[in-house]
Amino acid sequence: DPVDVEEITADVSDNYLLCICENKESLRDKKKGDVVIGIVGVQPTTGEVVFDSFQDSSSRLELESRVLRLQPVELVLPSDLSDQSERLISSITSVRYFRDGH
C-alpha cells in the first residue's frame, strides 16, 4: 500500500544533523581548554536550520546544553576536535567516530 509522505513526516521528531567546529585562536583571554564553538544544525524533513557561535569553558557546559536540546541523530565533527569536546560528545551521545588517520 502506498504511504502518504505527510503521514511519515507527522510522526518524525526533530532529527537534526549537527556540525560542530572549534576555534581556539580567536579567544582574547586564552585559558586552558577555553574555545569558541560554532554549530549548525539542519532538520532535513522541515528544512529548519539553527546555528550559533559561542565561547565555552573547558567544562563545555554551553556545548552540552545545545547538544542535549537538539538531540542530533548524526554529528559531523572535525578531525582536530579538542579532548574536552570529544569527551563531552562521547559521554552524552551514543556517537562513535574515528579521527583521521586512526
Protein backbone atom coordinates (compact mmCIF):
# COMPACT_ATOMS: atom_id res chain seq x y z
CA ASP A 1 0.00 0.00 0.00
CA PRO A 2 1.28 3.48 -0.78
CA VAL A 3 2.10 5.63 2.24
CA ASP A 4 1.40 9.34 2.30
CA VAL A 5 4.56 11.39 2.93
CA GLU A 6 2.65 13.69 5.29
CA GLU A 7 1.83 10.70 7.49
CA ILE A 8 5.51 9.81 7.75
CA THR A 9 6.76 13.33 8.46
CA ALA A 10 4.00 13.97 11.01
CA ASP A 11 5.37 11.15 13.16
CA VAL A 12 9.04 12.11 12.79
CA SER A 13 10.53 14.06 15.67
CA ASP A 14 13.17 16.69 15.05
CA ASN A 15 16.01 14.67 13.57
CA TYR A 16 18.84 17.18 13.45
CA LEU A 17 22.11 16.68 11.67
CA LEU A 18 24.64 18.71 13.66
CA CYS A 19 28.04 20.04 12.65
CA ILE A 20 30.41 21.30 15.35
CA CYS A 21 33.61 23.31 14.82
CA GLU A 22 36.08 24.92 17.21
CA ASN A 23 38.36 27.94 17.01
CA LYS A 24 40.94 28.23 19.75
CA GLU A 25 42.76 31.09 18.01
CA SER A 26 40.03 33.75 18.35
CA LEU A 27 39.98 33.86 22.16
CA ARG A 28 41.08 37.09 23.82
CA ASP A 29 41.60 35.51 27.24
CA LYS A 30 43.34 32.23 26.45
CA LYS A 31 42.55 29.96 29.38
CA LYS A 32 43.49 26.31 29.04
CA GLY A 33 40.63 24.44 27.42
CA ASP A 34 38.53 27.50 26.52
CA VAL A 35 37.34 27.63 22.94
CA VAL A 36 34.95 29.39 20.58
CA ILE A 37 32.48 26.81 19.23
CA GLY A 38 30.29 27.07 16.16
CA ILE A 39 27.36 24.78 15.49
CA VAL A 40 25.00 24.33 12.55
CA GLY A 41 22.02 22.02 12.82
CA VAL A 42 19.77 21.02 9.93
CA GLN A 43 16.41 19.30 10.22
CA PRO A 44 16.03 17.63 6.78
CA THR A 45 12.31 16.89 6.93
CA THR A 46 11.35 20.51 7.62
CA GLY A 47 14.36 22.39 6.26
CA GLU A 48 14.85 24.17 9.57
CA VAL A 49 18.39 25.41 10.18
CA VAL A 50 19.79 26.51 13.54
CA PHE A 51 23.22 28.00 14.05
CA ASP A 52 25.16 29.53 16.88
CA SER A 53 28.64 30.63 17.86
CA PHE A 54 29.66 30.92 21.49
CA GLN A 55 32.64 30.91 23.83
CA ASP A 56 32.79 27.87 26.08
CA SER A 57 34.93 26.89 29.06
CA SER A 58 36.90 23.69 29.42
CA SER A 59 33.85 22.05 31.03
CA ARG A 60 31.87 22.55 27.77
CA LEU A 61 28.60 23.36 29.58
CA GLU A 62 27.33 25.53 26.70
CA LEU A 63 28.05 22.83 24.12
CA GLU A 64 26.39 20.22 26.32
CA SER A 65 23.27 22.37 26.65
CA ARG A 66 22.92 22.82 22.90
CA VAL A 67 23.59 19.17 22.01
CA LEU A 68 21.09 17.95 24.61
CA ARG A 69 18.48 20.43 23.37
CA LEU A 70 18.81 19.45 19.70
CA GLN A 71 19.45 15.73 20.31
CA PRO A 72 21.02 15.19 16.88
CA VAL A 73 20.76 11.86 15.13
CA GLU A 74 24.04 12.48 13.36
CA LEU A 75 27.12 14.59 14.13
CA VAL A 76 29.78 15.94 11.79
CA LEU A 77 32.94 16.57 13.79
CA PRO A 78 36.34 17.98 12.81
CA SER A 79 39.37 15.72 12.92
CA ASP A 80 41.09 18.12 15.34
CA LEU A 81 38.28 18.21 17.91
CA SER A 82 39.61 19.11 21.36
CA ASP A 83 39.85 16.43 24.03
CA GLN A 84 37.33 18.28 26.21
CA SER A 85 34.72 18.40 23.43
CA GLU A 86 35.41 14.81 22.42
CA ARG A 87 34.88 13.57 25.98
CA LEU A 88 31.64 15.54 26.30
CA ILE A 89 30.25 14.26 22.99
CA SER A 90 31.16 10.69 23.94
CA SER A 91 29.52 10.99 27.35
CA ILE A 92 26.16 12.45 26.27
CA THR A 93 25.61 10.69 22.95
CA SER A 94 25.94 7.20 21.56
CA VAL A 95 28.18 8.53 18.80
CA ARG A 96 31.16 6.51 17.72
CA TYR A 97 33.70 8.16 15.48
CA PHE A 98 37.26 7.83 14.36
CA ARG A 99 39.87 10.52 14.00
CA ASP A 100 41.56 10.91 10.63
CA GLY A 101 44.48 8.52 10.35
CA HIS A 102 43.38 6.30 13.28
